[in-house]
N, C-alpha and C. Protein backbone atom coordinates (compact mmCIF):
# COMPACT_ATOMS: atom_id res chain seq x y z
N MET A 1 -12.35 9.35 11.15
CA MET A 1 -11.00 9.87 11.08
C MET A 1 -10.20 9.06 10.06
N ARG A 2 -9.52 9.75 9.16
CA ARG A 2 -8.71 9.09 8.15
C ARG A 2 -7.26 9.05 8.61
N LYS A 3 -6.59 7.98 8.30
CA LYS A 3 -5.19 7.81 8.64
C LYS A 3 -4.40 7.76 7.35
N THR A 4 -3.33 8.51 7.28
CA THR A 4 -2.47 8.50 6.10
C THR A 4 -1.43 7.42 6.28
N VAL A 5 -1.37 6.52 5.31
CA VAL A 5 -0.37 5.45 5.33
C VAL A 5 0.64 5.75 4.24
N ARG A 6 1.88 5.89 4.63
CA ARG A 6 2.94 6.09 3.65
C ARG A 6 3.69 4.78 3.50
N ILE A 7 3.95 4.42 2.28
CA ILE A 7 4.62 3.15 1.98
C ILE A 7 6.06 3.51 1.55
N THR A 8 7.22 3.43 2.46
CA THR A 8 8.62 3.82 2.15
C THR A 8 9.62 2.73 2.51
N ASP A 9 10.75 2.65 1.79
CA ASP A 9 11.76 1.59 1.97
C ASP A 9 11.06 0.30 2.35
N SER A 10 11.24 -0.19 3.59
CA SER A 10 10.52 -1.40 3.97
C SER A 10 9.05 -1.09 4.21
N GLN A 11 8.69 0.17 4.42
CA GLN A 11 7.30 0.50 4.66
C GLN A 11 6.76 1.54 3.69
N SER A 12 7.55 2.03 2.74
CA SER A 12 7.07 3.06 1.82
C SER A 12 7.39 2.70 0.39
N LEU A 13 6.52 3.12 -0.48
CA LEU A 13 6.68 2.86 -1.90
C LEU A 13 6.96 4.19 -2.59
N TYR A 14 8.08 4.25 -3.29
CA TYR A 14 8.38 5.44 -4.07
C TYR A 14 8.06 5.15 -5.52
N LEU A 15 7.23 5.96 -6.10
CA LEU A 15 6.90 5.84 -7.50
C LEU A 15 7.85 6.76 -8.25
N VAL A 16 8.65 6.19 -9.11
CA VAL A 16 9.69 6.94 -9.78
C VAL A 16 9.40 7.00 -11.26
N THR A 17 9.64 8.16 -11.84
CA THR A 17 9.50 8.31 -13.27
C THR A 17 10.73 7.71 -13.93
N GLY A 18 10.56 6.52 -14.48
CA GLY A 18 11.63 5.89 -15.23
C GLY A 18 12.60 5.02 -14.45
N LEU A 19 13.01 5.41 -13.25
CA LEU A 19 14.09 4.70 -12.56
C LEU A 19 13.86 4.66 -11.06
N LEU A 20 13.98 3.48 -10.47
CA LEU A 20 13.86 3.34 -9.02
C LEU A 20 15.25 3.26 -8.44
N GLN A 21 15.59 4.18 -7.56
CA GLN A 21 16.90 4.17 -6.93
C GLN A 21 16.68 4.03 -5.43
N LYS A 22 17.01 2.87 -4.90
CA LYS A 22 16.78 2.59 -3.49
C LYS A 22 17.61 3.53 -2.62
N ASN A 23 16.95 4.10 -1.62
CA ASN A 23 17.57 4.98 -0.63
C ASN A 23 18.19 6.24 -1.25
N LYS A 24 17.78 6.59 -2.44
CA LYS A 24 18.33 7.78 -3.08
C LYS A 24 17.17 8.57 -3.67
N ILE A 25 16.96 9.77 -3.18
CA ILE A 25 15.86 10.60 -3.66
C ILE A 25 16.39 11.54 -4.73
N THR A 26 15.71 11.54 -5.88
CA THR A 26 16.08 12.44 -6.96
C THR A 26 14.91 13.38 -7.23
N SER A 27 15.17 14.43 -7.97
CA SER A 27 14.13 15.41 -8.25
C SER A 27 12.99 14.82 -9.09
N SER A 28 13.24 13.71 -9.78
CA SER A 28 12.19 13.11 -10.61
C SER A 28 11.32 12.13 -9.83
N MET A 29 11.67 11.87 -8.57
CA MET A 29 10.92 10.89 -7.79
C MET A 29 9.61 11.48 -7.29
N LYS A 30 8.63 10.60 -7.17
CA LYS A 30 7.32 10.97 -6.66
C LYS A 30 6.98 10.03 -5.51
N LYS A 31 6.06 10.44 -4.67
CA LYS A 31 5.57 9.54 -3.62
C LYS A 31 4.06 9.42 -3.78
N ILE A 32 3.58 8.27 -3.41
CA ILE A 32 2.14 8.05 -3.44
C ILE A 32 1.67 7.94 -1.99
N THR A 33 0.61 8.66 -1.67
CA THR A 33 0.04 8.64 -0.33
C THR A 33 -1.38 8.09 -0.44
N ILE A 34 -1.67 7.08 0.35
CA ILE A 34 -3.00 6.46 0.38
C ILE A 34 -3.58 6.69 1.76
N GLU A 35 -4.75 7.29 1.83
CA GLU A 35 -5.40 7.57 3.11
C GLU A 35 -6.36 6.44 3.47
N LEU A 36 -6.22 5.94 4.70
CA LEU A 36 -7.09 4.89 5.22
C LEU A 36 -7.81 5.38 6.47
N THR A 37 -9.02 4.90 6.66
CA THR A 37 -9.71 5.17 7.92
C THR A 37 -9.07 4.29 9.00
N ASP A 38 -9.35 4.58 10.25
CA ASP A 38 -8.84 3.74 11.33
C ASP A 38 -9.33 2.30 11.17
N GLU A 39 -10.58 2.14 10.75
CA GLU A 39 -11.15 0.80 10.55
C GLU A 39 -10.43 0.06 9.42
N GLN A 40 -10.18 0.74 8.30
CA GLN A 40 -9.46 0.12 7.19
C GLN A 40 -8.05 -0.29 7.62
N HIS A 41 -7.39 0.58 8.36
CA HIS A 41 -6.04 0.30 8.83
C HIS A 41 -6.04 -0.93 9.75
N ALA A 42 -6.99 -1.00 10.67
CA ALA A 42 -7.09 -2.14 11.58
C ALA A 42 -7.34 -3.44 10.81
N LYS A 43 -8.22 -3.40 9.82
CA LYS A 43 -8.51 -4.59 9.00
C LYS A 43 -7.26 -5.03 8.23
N MET A 44 -6.53 -4.06 7.67
CA MET A 44 -5.33 -4.38 6.92
C MET A 44 -4.29 -5.03 7.83
N MET A 45 -4.06 -4.45 8.99
CA MET A 45 -3.06 -5.00 9.91
C MET A 45 -3.45 -6.39 10.39
N ALA A 46 -4.73 -6.63 10.66
CA ALA A 46 -5.20 -7.95 11.07
C ALA A 46 -4.99 -8.97 9.95
N HIS A 47 -5.29 -8.57 8.71
CA HIS A 47 -5.11 -9.46 7.55
C HIS A 47 -3.64 -9.83 7.38
N LEU A 48 -2.75 -8.83 7.50
CA LEU A 48 -1.32 -9.09 7.35
C LEU A 48 -0.79 -9.96 8.48
N GLN A 49 -1.28 -9.74 9.71
CA GLN A 49 -0.85 -10.57 10.84
C GLN A 49 -1.32 -12.01 10.66
N LYS A 50 -2.56 -12.18 10.19
CA LYS A 50 -3.09 -13.52 9.93
C LYS A 50 -2.23 -14.23 8.87
N GLY A 51 -1.88 -13.51 7.81
CA GLY A 51 -1.04 -14.07 6.75
C GLY A 51 0.34 -14.43 7.26
N THR A 52 0.91 -13.57 8.10
CA THR A 52 2.23 -13.83 8.67
C THR A 52 2.19 -15.07 9.55
N ASN A 53 1.16 -15.18 10.39
CA ASN A 53 1.02 -16.36 11.25
C ASN A 53 0.89 -17.63 10.42
N LEU A 54 0.11 -17.56 9.35
CA LEU A 54 -0.06 -18.71 8.46
C LEU A 54 1.28 -19.10 7.83
N ASN A 55 2.05 -18.11 7.41
CA ASN A 55 3.37 -18.38 6.83
C ASN A 55 4.30 -19.03 7.84
N VAL A 56 4.32 -18.51 9.06
CA VAL A 56 5.19 -19.07 10.10
C VAL A 56 4.78 -20.52 10.40
N ASN A 57 3.49 -20.76 10.54
CA ASN A 57 3.00 -22.11 10.84
C ASN A 57 3.32 -23.10 9.73
N ASN A 58 3.33 -22.63 8.49
CA ASN A 58 3.60 -23.50 7.34
C ASN A 58 5.05 -23.40 6.85
N GLU A 59 5.86 -22.64 7.58
CA GLU A 59 7.27 -22.43 7.21
C GLU A 59 7.41 -22.00 5.76
N THR A 60 6.63 -20.99 5.37
CA THR A 60 6.66 -20.46 4.01
C THR A 60 6.81 -18.94 4.04
N PHE A 61 7.10 -18.38 2.91
CA PHE A 61 7.15 -16.93 2.73
C PHE A 61 6.30 -16.59 1.52
N SER A 62 5.25 -15.82 1.72
CA SER A 62 4.40 -15.47 0.58
C SER A 62 4.52 -14.01 0.18
N GLY A 63 4.95 -13.15 1.08
CA GLY A 63 4.98 -11.73 0.81
C GLY A 63 3.57 -11.17 0.76
N TYR A 64 3.46 -9.89 0.45
CA TYR A 64 2.15 -9.27 0.32
C TYR A 64 2.23 -8.15 -0.70
N SER A 65 1.06 -7.73 -1.18
CA SER A 65 1.03 -6.63 -2.15
C SER A 65 -0.17 -5.75 -1.89
N PHE A 66 -0.03 -4.51 -2.30
CA PHE A 66 -1.12 -3.54 -2.24
C PHE A 66 -1.51 -3.24 -3.68
N ASN A 67 -2.79 -3.36 -3.98
CA ASN A 67 -3.30 -3.07 -5.32
C ASN A 67 -4.28 -1.90 -5.24
N LEU A 68 -3.85 -0.76 -5.76
CA LEU A 68 -4.71 0.41 -5.81
C LEU A 68 -5.49 0.35 -7.11
N LYS A 69 -6.79 0.18 -7.02
CA LYS A 69 -7.66 0.06 -8.19
C LYS A 69 -8.38 1.39 -8.41
N CYS A 70 -8.46 1.82 -9.65
CA CYS A 70 -9.06 3.11 -9.96
C CYS A 70 -9.96 3.02 -11.18
N VAL A 71 -11.04 3.77 -11.16
CA VAL A 71 -11.90 3.94 -12.32
C VAL A 71 -11.45 5.22 -13.00
N GLU A 72 -11.33 5.17 -14.32
CA GLU A 72 -10.88 6.33 -15.09
C GLU A 72 -11.68 7.57 -14.74
N GLY A 73 -10.99 8.70 -14.75
CA GLY A 73 -11.65 9.97 -14.47
C GLY A 73 -11.80 10.26 -12.99
N GLY A 74 -11.19 9.46 -12.13
CA GLY A 74 -11.24 9.72 -10.69
C GLY A 74 -12.59 9.46 -10.06
N ILE A 75 -13.42 8.64 -10.70
CA ILE A 75 -14.76 8.36 -10.19
C ILE A 75 -14.70 7.58 -8.88
N SER A 76 -13.80 6.61 -8.81
CA SER A 76 -13.70 5.77 -7.63
C SER A 76 -12.32 5.13 -7.55
N SER A 77 -11.83 4.94 -6.33
CA SER A 77 -10.57 4.24 -6.09
C SER A 77 -10.74 3.37 -4.86
N TRP A 78 -10.16 2.17 -4.91
CA TRP A 78 -10.22 1.29 -3.74
C TRP A 78 -8.91 0.53 -3.64
N LEU A 79 -8.64 0.00 -2.45
CA LEU A 79 -7.38 -0.67 -2.18
C LEU A 79 -7.63 -2.12 -1.80
N GLU A 80 -6.85 -3.01 -2.41
CA GLU A 80 -6.88 -4.42 -2.07
C GLU A 80 -5.51 -4.81 -1.52
N VAL A 81 -5.52 -5.65 -0.49
CA VAL A 81 -4.29 -6.17 0.10
C VAL A 81 -4.28 -7.67 -0.15
N GLU A 82 -3.21 -8.15 -0.77
CA GLU A 82 -3.09 -9.58 -1.06
C GLU A 82 -2.00 -10.20 -0.21
N MET A 83 -2.38 -11.19 0.57
CA MET A 83 -1.45 -12.01 1.33
C MET A 83 -2.23 -13.23 1.77
N ASN A 84 -1.96 -14.36 1.15
CA ASN A 84 -2.72 -15.58 1.43
C ASN A 84 -4.22 -15.31 1.29
N GLY A 85 -4.59 -14.62 0.24
CA GLY A 85 -5.98 -14.22 0.00
C GLY A 85 -6.04 -12.72 -0.19
N THR A 86 -7.16 -12.23 -0.68
CA THR A 86 -7.32 -10.81 -0.98
C THR A 86 -8.31 -10.17 -0.02
N LEU A 87 -7.91 -9.04 0.54
CA LEU A 87 -8.78 -8.24 1.40
C LEU A 87 -9.10 -6.95 0.65
N ASP A 88 -10.38 -6.70 0.42
CA ASP A 88 -10.83 -5.46 -0.22
C ASP A 88 -11.10 -4.45 0.89
N LEU A 89 -10.30 -3.39 0.95
CA LEU A 89 -10.46 -2.39 2.00
C LEU A 89 -11.50 -1.33 1.64
N GLY A 90 -12.01 -1.36 0.44
CA GLY A 90 -13.02 -0.38 0.04
C GLY A 90 -12.40 0.91 -0.48
N GLU A 91 -13.22 1.94 -0.57
CA GLU A 91 -12.79 3.21 -1.16
C GLU A 91 -11.71 3.90 -0.34
N VAL A 92 -10.75 4.48 -1.06
CA VAL A 92 -9.66 5.23 -0.44
C VAL A 92 -9.41 6.50 -1.24
N ASN A 93 -8.80 7.47 -0.58
CA ASN A 93 -8.30 8.67 -1.25
C ASN A 93 -6.80 8.50 -1.40
N TRP A 94 -6.26 8.99 -2.50
CA TRP A 94 -4.83 8.88 -2.73
C TRP A 94 -4.36 10.04 -3.60
N LYS A 95 -3.03 10.26 -3.58
CA LYS A 95 -2.45 11.31 -4.42
C LYS A 95 -1.00 10.97 -4.70
N ILE A 96 -0.50 11.49 -5.79
CA ILE A 96 0.91 11.38 -6.15
C ILE A 96 1.46 12.81 -6.15
N GLU A 97 2.60 12.96 -5.47
CA GLU A 97 3.19 14.30 -5.37
C GLU A 97 4.71 14.20 -5.35
N PRO A 98 5.40 15.29 -5.65
CA PRO A 98 6.86 15.27 -5.63
C PRO A 98 7.38 15.03 -4.22
N ILE A 99 8.54 14.39 -4.12
CA ILE A 99 9.22 14.26 -2.84
C ILE A 99 10.02 15.53 -2.63
N ILE A 100 9.82 16.15 -1.49
CA ILE A 100 10.51 17.43 -1.22
C ILE A 100 11.64 17.21 -0.24
């Protein structure tokens, strides 16, 4: 079973053509949807929780990032999560579409 993860405001990422306007949706805005399996989602959440615990214990803030890696021509795509180290989640499906 695949789980769709949307990345918005604090939990979603809006990909905008030219301009990012926080909390304001324009006709030129797009959204990116990345599909994860339940296993990928569980691994990602565990990795982020581990990183958060490490930050709290060390009284630091590192943040985290999602890196969607793609091979030209749509041959393959995979997602990496970086937070106090890199977690390779493996192959994912994704799409960019208009915000309606």
